[in-house]
């Protein structure tokens, strides 16, 4: 805390913010932890940014704030999409994508996806996330939700090679 107060421009400020977020999170002060993680996510080190966003996603996920969790997990995926050299000791990209799907599903499924990804500029992981969400709903017996997600996929990307797989899943559902 003293480092941040006395030397906010220090090269250690980003990591200090991350560590303060961890301490608050571990003590059950989720909102305080999220505030520290948010400051760490603004720093220059992409690895620390990814970790801060991931932990922000977890804090929101644990508090059932699905839209905010999805936004944070999407931030992790955006970092990986922007910087292929990003080096993180754990496979947080894969986990962030899984919990991004879970968060979007809990936030409203296809409707949440459309709010998060309006038609237009496409992110490299967008199609994969929508297909995974359809599978998520099928796995839990939410067939109406799965069908809605599959129809959205076919509406957005009818000529995509994976559309054949999605059509097959839609027919099975």
N, C-alpha and C. Protein backbone atom coordinates (compact mmCIF):
# COMPACT_ATOMS: atom_id res chain seq x y z
N UNK A 1 0.83 -1.19 0.00
CA UNK A 1 0.00 0.00 0.00
C UNK A 1 0.87 1.25 0.00
N UNK A 2 1.94 1.17 0.80
CA UNK A 2 2.84 2.33 0.89
C UNK A 2 3.52 2.58 -0.45
N UNK A 3 3.94 1.52 -1.12
CA UNK A 3 4.58 1.67 -2.42
C UNK A 3 3.65 2.40 -3.39
N UNK A 4 2.38 1.98 -3.42
CA UNK A 4 1.43 2.60 -4.33
C UNK A 4 1.14 4.05 -3.96
N UNK A 5 1.11 4.34 -2.65
CA UNK A 5 0.84 5.70 -2.20
C UNK A 5 2.02 6.63 -2.46
N UNK A 6 3.22 6.14 -2.20
CA UNK A 6 4.41 6.99 -2.30
C UNK A 6 5.07 6.96 -3.67
N UNK A 7 4.90 5.86 -4.41
CA UNK A 7 5.57 5.72 -5.70
C UNK A 7 4.61 5.10 -6.73
N UNK A 8 3.53 5.79 -7.06
CA UNK A 8 2.54 5.19 -7.96
C UNK A 8 3.09 4.88 -9.35
N UNK A 9 4.17 5.49 -9.74
CA UNK A 9 4.78 5.23 -11.05
C UNK A 9 5.84 4.15 -11.03
N UNK A 10 6.03 3.50 -9.90
CA UNK A 10 7.06 2.47 -9.76
C UNK A 10 6.79 1.31 -10.72
N UNK A 11 7.85 0.69 -11.16
CA UNK A 11 7.71 -0.48 -12.02
C UNK A 11 7.11 -1.67 -11.25
N UNK A 12 7.03 -1.56 -9.93
CA UNK A 12 6.43 -2.62 -9.11
C UNK A 12 4.97 -2.34 -8.75
N UNK A 13 4.43 -1.21 -9.20
CA UNK A 13 3.06 -0.84 -8.83
C UNK A 13 2.04 -1.85 -9.36
N UNK A 14 2.25 -2.33 -10.57
CA UNK A 14 1.29 -3.28 -11.15
C UNK A 14 1.27 -4.58 -10.34
N UNK A 15 2.44 -5.11 -10.03
CA UNK A 15 2.50 -6.34 -9.25
C UNK A 15 1.98 -6.12 -7.83
N UNK A 16 2.26 -4.97 -7.24
CA UNK A 16 1.76 -4.66 -5.90
C UNK A 16 0.24 -4.64 -5.90
N UNK A 17 -0.34 -4.05 -6.92
CA UNK A 17 -1.80 -4.01 -7.03
C UNK A 17 -2.37 -5.43 -7.13
N UNK A 18 -1.71 -6.26 -7.91
CA UNK A 18 -2.14 -7.65 -8.05
C UNK A 18 -2.08 -8.37 -6.70
N UNK A 19 -0.99 -8.19 -5.98
CA UNK A 19 -0.83 -8.86 -4.67
C UNK A 19 -1.85 -8.34 -3.66
N UNK A 20 -2.13 -7.03 -3.68
CA UNK A 20 -3.15 -6.49 -2.78
C UNK A 20 -4.53 -7.06 -3.13
N UNK A 21 -4.77 -7.26 -4.40
CA UNK A 21 -6.02 -7.89 -4.82
C UNK A 21 -6.12 -9.30 -4.28
N UNK A 22 -5.02 -10.05 -4.33
CA UNK A 22 -5.01 -11.41 -3.79
C UNK A 22 -5.29 -11.42 -2.29
N UNK A 23 -4.67 -10.50 -1.56
CA UNK A 23 -4.88 -10.44 -0.11
C UNK A 23 -6.34 -10.12 0.21
N UNK A 24 -6.92 -9.17 -0.51
CA UNK A 24 -8.32 -8.82 -0.28
C UNK A 24 -9.23 -9.97 -0.66
N UNK A 25 -8.94 -10.61 -1.78
CA UNK A 25 -9.75 -11.74 -2.23
C UNK A 25 -9.71 -12.87 -1.20
N UNK A 26 -8.51 -13.20 -0.72
CA UNK A 26 -8.35 -14.27 0.27
C UNK A 26 -9.07 -13.95 1.58
N UNK A 27 -9.19 -12.66 1.89
CA UNK A 27 -9.88 -12.24 3.12
C UNK A 27 -11.39 -12.11 2.91
N UNK A 28 -11.85 -12.43 1.70
CA UNK A 28 -13.29 -12.37 1.43
C UNK A 28 -13.80 -10.99 1.06
N UNK A 29 -12.91 -10.04 0.83
CA UNK A 29 -13.31 -8.68 0.44
C UNK A 29 -13.21 -8.58 -1.08
N UNK A 30 -14.20 -9.19 -1.75
CA UNK A 30 -14.17 -9.34 -3.20
C UNK A 30 -14.12 -7.99 -3.93
N UNK A 31 -14.96 -7.05 -3.52
CA UNK A 31 -15.00 -5.77 -4.23
C UNK A 31 -13.68 -5.01 -4.11
N UNK A 32 -13.07 -5.07 -2.93
CA UNK A 32 -11.76 -4.44 -2.76
C UNK A 32 -10.73 -5.14 -3.65
N UNK A 33 -10.79 -6.47 -3.69
CA UNK A 33 -9.88 -7.23 -4.56
C UNK A 33 -10.05 -6.85 -6.01
N UNK A 34 -11.30 -6.72 -6.45
CA UNK A 34 -11.57 -6.34 -7.85
C UNK A 34 -10.99 -4.96 -8.15
N UNK A 35 -11.08 -4.04 -7.20
CA UNK A 35 -10.52 -2.69 -7.42
C UNK A 35 -9.00 -2.77 -7.62
N UNK A 36 -8.33 -3.58 -6.80
CA UNK A 36 -6.88 -3.74 -6.95
C UNK A 36 -6.54 -4.43 -8.28
N UNK A 37 -7.31 -5.47 -8.61
CA UNK A 37 -7.07 -6.16 -9.87
C UNK A 37 -7.29 -5.23 -11.07
N UNK A 38 -8.30 -4.36 -10.96
CA UNK A 38 -8.56 -3.42 -12.06
C UNK A 38 -7.37 -2.50 -12.28
N UNK A 39 -6.75 -2.05 -11.20
CA UNK A 39 -5.55 -1.20 -11.33
C UNK A 39 -4.40 -2.01 -11.95
N UNK A 40 -4.25 -3.26 -11.53
CA UNK A 40 -3.18 -4.09 -12.09
C UNK A 40 -3.43 -4.38 -13.58
N UNK A 41 -4.70 -4.50 -13.97
CA UNK A 41 -5.03 -4.79 -15.37
C UNK A 41 -4.70 -3.62 -16.29
N UNK A 42 -4.47 -2.45 -15.74
CA UNK A 42 -4.12 -1.29 -16.56
C UNK A 42 -2.61 -1.16 -16.77
N UNK A 43 -1.83 -1.99 -16.10
CA UNK A 43 -0.37 -1.89 -16.18
C UNK A 43 0.18 -2.36 -17.52
N UNK A 44 1.46 -2.17 -17.69
CA UNK A 44 2.13 -2.44 -18.97
C UNK A 44 2.48 -3.91 -19.19
N UNK A 45 2.71 -4.66 -18.14
CA UNK A 45 3.14 -6.06 -18.29
C UNK A 45 1.93 -6.92 -18.69
N UNK A 46 1.94 -7.49 -19.91
CA UNK A 46 0.77 -8.25 -20.35
C UNK A 46 0.49 -9.51 -19.54
N UNK A 47 1.52 -10.11 -18.98
CA UNK A 47 1.31 -11.29 -18.15
C UNK A 47 0.55 -10.92 -16.88
N UNK A 48 0.98 -9.85 -16.23
CA UNK A 48 0.29 -9.40 -15.02
C UNK A 48 -1.12 -8.92 -15.35
N UNK A 49 -1.28 -8.30 -16.52
CA UNK A 49 -2.63 -7.88 -16.95
C UNK A 49 -3.53 -9.10 -17.11
N UNK A 50 -3.02 -10.14 -17.75
CA UNK A 50 -3.82 -11.35 -17.96
C UNK A 50 -4.22 -11.98 -16.62
N UNK A 51 -3.30 -12.06 -15.70
CA UNK A 51 -3.59 -12.64 -14.39
C UNK A 51 -4.61 -11.79 -13.65
N UNK A 52 -4.45 -10.47 -13.69
CA UNK A 52 -5.39 -9.57 -13.02
C UNK A 52 -6.79 -9.70 -13.61
N UNK A 53 -6.90 -9.76 -14.92
CA UNK A 53 -8.21 -9.92 -15.55
C UNK A 53 -8.82 -11.27 -15.21
N UNK A 54 -8.01 -12.30 -15.21
CA UNK A 54 -8.48 -13.64 -14.87
C UNK A 54 -9.04 -13.67 -13.45
N UNK A 55 -8.29 -13.10 -12.51
CA UNK A 55 -8.74 -13.08 -11.12
C UNK A 55 -9.97 -12.17 -10.94
N UNK A 56 -10.06 -11.12 -11.72
CA UNK A 56 -11.26 -10.28 -11.71
C UNK A 56 -12.45 -11.11 -12.16
N UNK A 57 -12.26 -11.88 -13.21
CA UNK A 57 -13.32 -12.76 -13.69
C UNK A 57 -13.77 -13.73 -12.61
N UNK A 58 -12.81 -14.31 -11.90
CA UNK A 58 -13.15 -15.26 -10.83
C UNK A 58 -13.92 -14.58 -9.71
N UNK A 59 -13.50 -13.38 -9.34
CA UNK A 59 -14.19 -12.66 -8.26
C UNK A 59 -15.65 -12.41 -8.64
N UNK A 60 -15.87 -11.96 -9.86
CA UNK A 60 -17.24 -11.71 -10.33
C UNK A 60 -18.00 -13.03 -10.47
N UNK A 61 -17.36 -14.05 -10.97
CA UNK A 61 -18.00 -15.35 -11.16
C UNK A 61 -18.48 -15.90 -9.81
N UNK A 62 -17.62 -15.81 -8.80
CA UNK A 62 -17.98 -16.30 -7.47
C UNK A 62 -19.11 -15.50 -6.83
N UNK A 63 -19.29 -14.27 -7.29
CA UNK A 63 -20.36 -13.41 -6.77
C UNK A 63 -21.61 -13.46 -7.67
N UNK A 64 -21.62 -14.37 -8.65
CA UNK A 64 -22.75 -14.51 -9.59
C UNK A 64 -23.00 -13.25 -10.40
N UNK A 65 -21.95 -12.50 -10.67
CA UNK A 65 -22.06 -11.32 -11.54
C UNK A 65 -21.55 -11.75 -12.92
N UNK A 66 -22.45 -12.39 -13.65
CA UNK A 66 -22.07 -13.10 -14.88
C UNK A 66 -21.57 -12.16 -15.97
N UNK A 67 -22.23 -11.04 -16.20
CA UNK A 67 -21.81 -10.12 -17.26
C UNK A 67 -20.40 -9.59 -16.99
N UNK A 68 -20.14 -9.18 -15.74
CA UNK A 68 -18.82 -8.67 -15.39
C UNK A 68 -17.76 -9.76 -15.47
N UNK A 69 -18.14 -10.98 -15.08
CA UNK A 69 -17.20 -12.10 -15.18
C UNK A 69 -16.85 -12.34 -16.65
N UNK A 70 -17.88 -12.36 -17.49
CA UNK A 70 -17.65 -12.58 -18.93
C UNK A 70 -16.74 -11.50 -19.49
N UNK A 71 -16.97 -10.26 -19.11
CA UNK A 71 -16.15 -9.16 -19.61
C UNK A 71 -14.68 -9.35 -19.22
N UNK A 72 -14.43 -9.75 -17.99
CA UNK A 72 -13.05 -9.95 -17.53
C UNK A 72 -12.40 -11.13 -18.26
N UNK A 73 -13.12 -12.25 -18.36
CA UNK A 73 -12.55 -13.41 -19.05
C UNK A 73 -12.31 -13.09 -20.54
N UNK A 74 -13.21 -12.30 -21.14
CA UNK A 74 -13.00 -11.88 -22.53
C UNK A 74 -11.73 -11.05 -22.64
N UNK A 75 -11.45 -10.24 -21.63
CA UNK A 75 -10.22 -9.45 -21.62
C UNK A 75 -8.99 -10.32 -21.68
N UNK A 76 -9.00 -11.44 -20.98
CA UNK A 76 -7.87 -12.39 -21.03
C UNK A 76 -7.73 -12.92 -22.45
N UNK A 77 -8.83 -13.34 -23.05
CA UNK A 77 -8.77 -13.89 -24.41
C UNK A 77 -8.30 -12.83 -25.41
N UNK A 78 -8.73 -11.59 -25.21
CA UNK A 78 -8.28 -10.51 -26.09
C UNK A 78 -6.77 -10.31 -25.98
N UNK A 79 -6.24 -10.40 -24.75
CA UNK A 79 -4.79 -10.26 -24.58
C UNK A 79 -4.04 -11.35 -25.34
N UNK A 80 -4.51 -12.58 -25.22
CA UNK A 80 -3.85 -13.67 -25.93
C UNK A 80 -3.99 -13.49 -27.44
N UNK A 81 -5.12 -12.98 -27.89
CA UNK A 81 -5.32 -12.77 -29.33
C UNK A 81 -4.42 -11.66 -29.85
N UNK A 82 -4.14 -10.67 -29.01
CA UNK A 82 -3.32 -9.53 -29.43
C UNK A 82 -1.82 -9.83 -29.39
N UNK A 83 -1.40 -10.60 -28.41
CA UNK A 83 0.03 -10.77 -28.17
C UNK A 83 0.37 -12.26 -28.06
N UNK A 84 0.77 -12.85 -29.19
CA UNK A 84 1.08 -14.28 -29.21
C UNK A 84 2.29 -14.62 -28.34
N UNK A 85 3.08 -13.63 -27.97
CA UNK A 85 4.27 -13.87 -27.16
C UNK A 85 3.96 -13.86 -25.67
N UNK A 86 2.70 -13.67 -25.33
CA UNK A 86 2.31 -13.62 -23.93
C UNK A 86 2.73 -14.92 -23.24
N UNK A 87 3.47 -14.79 -22.18
CA UNK A 87 3.95 -15.96 -21.45
C UNK A 87 3.36 -15.96 -20.05
N UNK A 88 2.61 -16.94 -19.75
CA UNK A 88 2.02 -17.10 -18.43
C UNK A 88 2.34 -18.51 -17.98
N UNK A 89 2.69 -18.66 -16.72
CA UNK A 89 3.12 -19.96 -16.22
C UNK A 89 2.01 -21.00 -16.23
N UNK A 90 0.77 -20.59 -16.05
CA UNK A 90 -0.37 -21.51 -16.06
C UNK A 90 -1.17 -21.31 -17.34
N UNK A 91 -1.96 -22.28 -17.69
CA UNK A 91 -2.77 -22.20 -18.90
C UNK A 91 -4.06 -21.43 -18.61
N UNK A 92 -3.93 -20.13 -18.37
CA UNK A 92 -5.13 -19.38 -18.03
C UNK A 92 -5.95 -19.03 -19.26
N UNK A 93 -5.37 -19.09 -20.43
CA UNK A 93 -6.16 -18.81 -21.63
C UNK A 93 -7.27 -19.85 -21.78
N UNK A 94 -6.93 -21.12 -21.64
CA UNK A 94 -7.91 -22.19 -21.78
C UNK A 94 -9.00 -22.09 -20.70
N UNK A 95 -8.56 -21.90 -19.45
CA UNK A 95 -9.53 -21.78 -18.36
C UNK A 95 -10.38 -20.53 -18.50
N UNK A 96 -9.77 -19.44 -18.92
CA UNK A 96 -10.53 -18.20 -19.10
C UNK A 96 -11.61 -18.40 -20.17
N UNK A 97 -11.28 -19.13 -21.22
CA UNK A 97 -12.27 -19.39 -22.26
C UNK A 97 -13.41 -20.25 -21.72
N UNK A 98 -13.09 -21.27 -20.95
CA UNK A 98 -14.14 -22.11 -20.36
C UNK A 98 -15.08 -21.29 -19.49
N UNK A 99 -14.51 -20.48 -18.61
CA UNK A 99 -15.35 -19.69 -17.70
C UNK A 99 -16.01 -18.52 -18.41
N UNK A 100 -15.46 -18.10 -19.51
CA UNK A 100 -16.14 -17.10 -20.35
C UNK A 100 -17.42 -17.72 -20.90
N UNK A 101 -17.33 -18.95 -21.39
CA UNK A 101 -18.52 -19.66 -21.90
C UNK A 101 -19.54 -19.83 -20.77
N UNK A 102 -19.11 -20.29 -19.60
CA UNK A 102 -20.03 -20.49 -18.48
C UNK A 102 -20.69 -19.18 -18.07
N UNK A 103 -19.91 -18.10 -18.05
CA UNK A 103 -20.44 -16.80 -17.65
C UNK A 103 -21.46 -16.29 -18.66
N UNK A 104 -21.13 -16.41 -19.94
CA UNK A 104 -22.09 -15.98 -20.97
C UNK A 104 -23.36 -16.81 -20.90
N UNK A 105 -23.22 -18.11 -20.67
CA UNK A 105 -24.40 -18.98 -20.57
C UNK A 105 -25.28 -18.52 -19.41
N UNK A 106 -24.68 -18.25 -18.26
CA UNK A 106 -25.44 -17.83 -17.09
C UNK A 106 -26.01 -16.43 -17.25
N UNK A 107 -25.36 -15.61 -18.07
CA UNK A 107 -25.81 -14.22 -18.28
C UNK A 107 -26.93 -14.13 -19.31
N UNK A 108 -27.31 -15.24 -19.93
CA UNK A 108 -28.41 -15.19 -20.88
C UNK A 108 -28.18 -15.94 -22.17
N UNK A 109 -27.09 -16.69 -22.28
CA UNK A 109 -26.87 -17.52 -23.46
C UNK A 109 -26.68 -16.72 -24.73
N UNK A 110 -27.47 -17.04 -25.74
CA UNK A 110 -27.33 -16.40 -27.05
C UNK A 110 -27.51 -14.89 -26.95
N UNK A 111 -28.45 -14.44 -26.13
CA UNK A 111 -28.67 -13.00 -25.98
C UNK A 111 -27.44 -12.32 -25.37
N UNK A 112 -26.82 -12.95 -24.39
CA UNK A 112 -25.60 -12.39 -23.78
C UNK A 112 -24.47 -12.37 -24.80
N UNK A 113 -24.39 -13.41 -25.63
CA UNK A 113 -23.37 -13.45 -26.67
C UNK A 113 -23.56 -12.28 -27.63
N UNK A 114 -24.80 -12.04 -28.02
CA UNK A 114 -25.07 -10.95 -28.97
C UNK A 114 -24.76 -9.58 -28.35
N UNK A 115 -25.00 -9.42 -27.05
CA UNK A 115 -24.63 -8.15 -26.39
C UNK A 115 -23.11 -8.00 -26.33
N UNK A 116 -22.43 -9.12 -26.10
CA UNK A 116 -20.98 -9.08 -25.97
C UNK A 116 -20.28 -8.94 -27.31
N UNK A 117 -20.85 -9.58 -28.33
CA UNK A 117 -20.25 -9.57 -29.67
C UNK A 117 -21.28 -9.10 -30.69
N UNK A 118 -21.53 -7.81 -30.77
CA UNK A 118 -22.44 -7.35 -31.82
C UNK A 118 -21.86 -7.73 -33.18
N UNK A 119 -22.73 -7.97 -34.14
CA UNK A 119 -22.27 -8.34 -35.49
C UNK A 119 -21.33 -7.25 -36.00
N UNK A 120 -20.31 -7.66 -36.68
CA UNK A 120 -19.33 -6.71 -37.20
C UNK A 120 -17.94 -7.28 -37.07
N UNK A 121 -17.06 -6.49 -36.44
CA UNK A 121 -15.67 -6.93 -36.26
C UNK A 121 -15.65 -8.18 -35.38
N UNK A 122 -15.01 -9.21 -35.87
CA UNK A 122 -15.02 -10.50 -35.18
C UNK A 122 -13.70 -10.75 -34.49
N UNK A 123 -13.78 -11.26 -33.28
CA UNK A 123 -12.58 -11.67 -32.55
C UNK A 123 -12.23 -13.10 -32.97
N UNK A 124 -10.95 -13.48 -32.89
CA UNK A 124 -10.54 -14.79 -33.40
C UNK A 124 -11.13 -15.99 -32.66
N UNK A 125 -11.61 -15.80 -31.47
CA UNK A 125 -12.13 -16.91 -30.67
C UNK A 125 -13.66 -16.95 -30.63
N UNK A 126 -14.31 -16.01 -31.26
CA UNK A 126 -15.76 -15.83 -31.17
C UNK A 126 -16.56 -17.07 -31.59
N UNK A 127 -16.23 -17.63 -32.72
CA UNK A 127 -16.97 -18.80 -33.22
C UNK A 127 -16.80 -20.00 -32.29
N UNK A 128 -15.57 -20.19 -31.84
CA UNK A 128 -15.27 -21.31 -30.95
C UNK A 128 -16.07 -21.19 -29.64
N UNK A 129 -16.18 -19.97 -29.12
CA UNK A 129 -16.91 -19.74 -27.88
C UNK A 129 -18.40 -20.04 -28.07
N UNK A 130 -18.96 -19.62 -29.19
CA UNK A 130 -20.39 -19.87 -29.42
C UNK A 130 -20.66 -21.37 -29.59
N UNK A 131 -19.80 -22.07 -30.31
CA UNK A 131 -19.97 -23.53 -30.43
C UNK A 131 -19.87 -24.20 -29.06
N UNK A 132 -18.92 -23.77 -28.26
CA UNK A 132 -18.74 -24.35 -26.92
C UNK A 132 -19.96 -24.07 -26.04
N UNK A 133 -20.58 -22.91 -26.21
CA UNK A 133 -21.75 -22.60 -25.41
C UNK A 133 -22.91 -23.54 -25.77
N UNK A 134 -23.08 -23.83 -27.06
CA UNK A 134 -24.10 -24.79 -27.46
C UNK A 134 -23.87 -26.14 -26.81
N UNK A 135 -22.62 -26.59 -26.80
CA UNK A 135 -22.28 -27.87 -26.16
C UNK A 135 -22.51 -27.82 -24.65
N UNK A 136 -22.20 -26.68 -24.05
CA UNK A 136 -22.42 -26.50 -22.61
C UNK A 136 -23.90 -26.70 -22.27
N UNK A 137 -24.76 -26.05 -23.04
CA UNK A 137 -26.20 -26.19 -22.78
C UNK A 137 -26.68 -27.62 -23.00
N UNK A 138 -26.17 -28.28 -24.04
CA UNK A 138 -26.56 -29.67 -24.30
C UNK A 138 -26.13 -30.57 -23.14
N UNK A 139 -24.92 -30.36 -22.66
CA UNK A 139 -24.37 -31.19 -21.57
C UNK A 139 -25.27 -31.13 -20.33
N UNK A 140 -25.91 -29.98 -20.10
CA UNK A 140 -26.75 -29.82 -18.92
C UNK A 140 -28.24 -29.94 -19.23
N UNK A 141 -28.56 -30.49 -20.41
CA UNK A 141 -29.95 -30.77 -20.75
C UNK A 141 -30.79 -29.54 -21.05
N UNK A 142 -30.15 -28.43 -21.33
CA UNK A 142 -30.87 -27.20 -21.67
C UNK A 142 -30.95 -27.11 -23.20
N UNK A 143 -31.80 -27.94 -23.76
CA UNK A 143 -31.84 -28.12 -25.21
C UNK A 143 -32.41 -26.90 -25.94
N UNK A 144 -33.37 -26.21 -25.36
CA UNK A 144 -33.90 -25.01 -26.00
C UNK A 144 -32.81 -23.94 -26.11
N UNK A 145 -32.02 -23.78 -25.05
CA UNK A 145 -30.91 -22.83 -25.07
C UNK A 145 -29.86 -23.25 -26.11
N UNK A 146 -29.56 -24.54 -26.15
CA UNK A 146 -28.58 -25.05 -27.13
C UNK A 146 -29.05 -24.77 -28.54
N UNK A 147 -30.32 -25.00 -28.81
CA UNK A 147 -30.88 -24.75 -30.15
C UNK A 147 -30.80 -23.27 -30.52
N UNK A 148 -31.09 -22.40 -29.56
CA UNK A 148 -31.02 -20.96 -29.81
C UNK A 148 -29.59 -20.55 -30.15
N UNK A 149 -28.63 -21.09 -29.41
CA UNK A 149 -27.22 -20.79 -29.67
C UNK A 149 -26.81 -21.30 -31.05
N UNK A 150 -27.20 -22.52 -31.38
CA UNK A 150 -26.85 -23.09 -32.69
C UNK A 150 -27.46 -22.26 -33.83
N UNK A 151 -28.70 -21.82 -33.65
CA UNK A 151 -29.33 -21.00 -34.71
C UNK A 151 -28.62 -19.66 -34.87
N UNK A 152 -28.16 -19.09 -33.77
CA UNK A 152 -27.38 -17.85 -33.85
C UNK A 152 -26.10 -18.09 -34.63
N UNK A 153 -25.43 -19.20 -34.37
CA UNK A 153 -24.19 -19.52 -35.09
C UNK A 153 -24.47 -19.60 -36.59
N UNK A 154 -25.53 -20.31 -36.96
CA UNK A 154 -25.86 -20.49 -38.37
C UNK A 154 -26.29 -19.18 -39.03
N UNK A 155 -26.92 -18.32 -38.26
CA UNK A 155 -27.31 -17.00 -38.78
C UNK A 155 -26.07 -16.15 -39.06
N UNK A 156 -25.12 -16.19 -38.14
CA UNK A 156 -23.92 -15.36 -38.28
C UNK A 156 -22.93 -15.91 -39.30
N UNK A 157 -22.75 -17.23 -39.32
CA UNK A 157 -21.69 -17.82 -40.14
C UNK A 157 -22.21 -19.02 -40.94
N UNK A 158 -23.15 -18.81 -41.82
CA UNK A 158 -23.75 -19.94 -42.55
C UNK A 158 -22.77 -20.67 -43.46
N UNK A 159 -21.74 -19.99 -43.93
CA UNK A 159 -20.79 -20.62 -44.86
C UNK A 159 -19.54 -21.15 -44.16
N UNK A 160 -19.48 -21.03 -42.85
CA UNK A 160 -18.34 -21.51 -42.10
C UNK A 160 -18.28 -23.04 -42.18
N UNK A 161 -17.11 -23.64 -42.36
CA UNK A 161 -17.03 -25.10 -42.41
C UNK A 161 -17.61 -25.79 -41.16
N UNK A 162 -17.51 -25.15 -40.01
CA UNK A 162 -18.06 -25.73 -38.79
C UNK A 162 -19.58 -25.67 -38.76
N UNK A 163 -20.19 -24.94 -39.69
CA UNK A 163 -21.65 -24.84 -39.73
C UNK A 163 -22.28 -26.22 -39.95
N UNK A 164 -21.61 -27.09 -40.70
CA UNK A 164 -22.13 -28.44 -40.92
C UNK A 164 -22.22 -29.21 -39.60
N UNK A 165 -21.20 -29.08 -38.78
CA UNK A 165 -21.20 -29.72 -37.46
C UNK A 165 -22.32 -29.13 -36.59
N UNK A 166 -22.49 -27.81 -36.64
CA UNK A 166 -23.53 -27.16 -35.85
C UNK A 166 -24.92 -27.59 -36.31
N UNK A 167 -25.11 -27.71 -37.62
CA UNK A 167 -26.40 -28.20 -38.15
C UNK A 167 -26.68 -29.60 -37.63
N UNK A 168 -25.68 -30.45 -37.63
CA UNK A 168 -25.86 -31.81 -37.13
C UNK A 168 -26.23 -31.82 -35.65
N UNK A 169 -25.58 -30.98 -34.87
CA UNK A 169 -25.92 -30.90 -33.44
C UNK A 169 -27.31 -30.34 -33.25
N UNK A 170 -27.68 -29.38 -34.07
CA UNK A 170 -29.03 -28.79 -33.97
C UNK A 170 -30.08 -29.85 -34.29
N UNK A 171 -29.82 -30.64 -35.32
CA UNK A 171 -30.78 -31.71 -35.68
C UNK A 171 -30.87 -32.75 -34.56
N UNK A 172 -29.73 -33.12 -33.98
CA UNK A 172 -29.75 -34.08 -32.87
C UNK A 172 -30.48 -33.50 -31.65
N UNK A 173 -30.29 -32.22 -31.43
CA UNK A 173 -30.93 -31.59 -30.27
C UNK A 173 -32.43 -31.54 -30.46
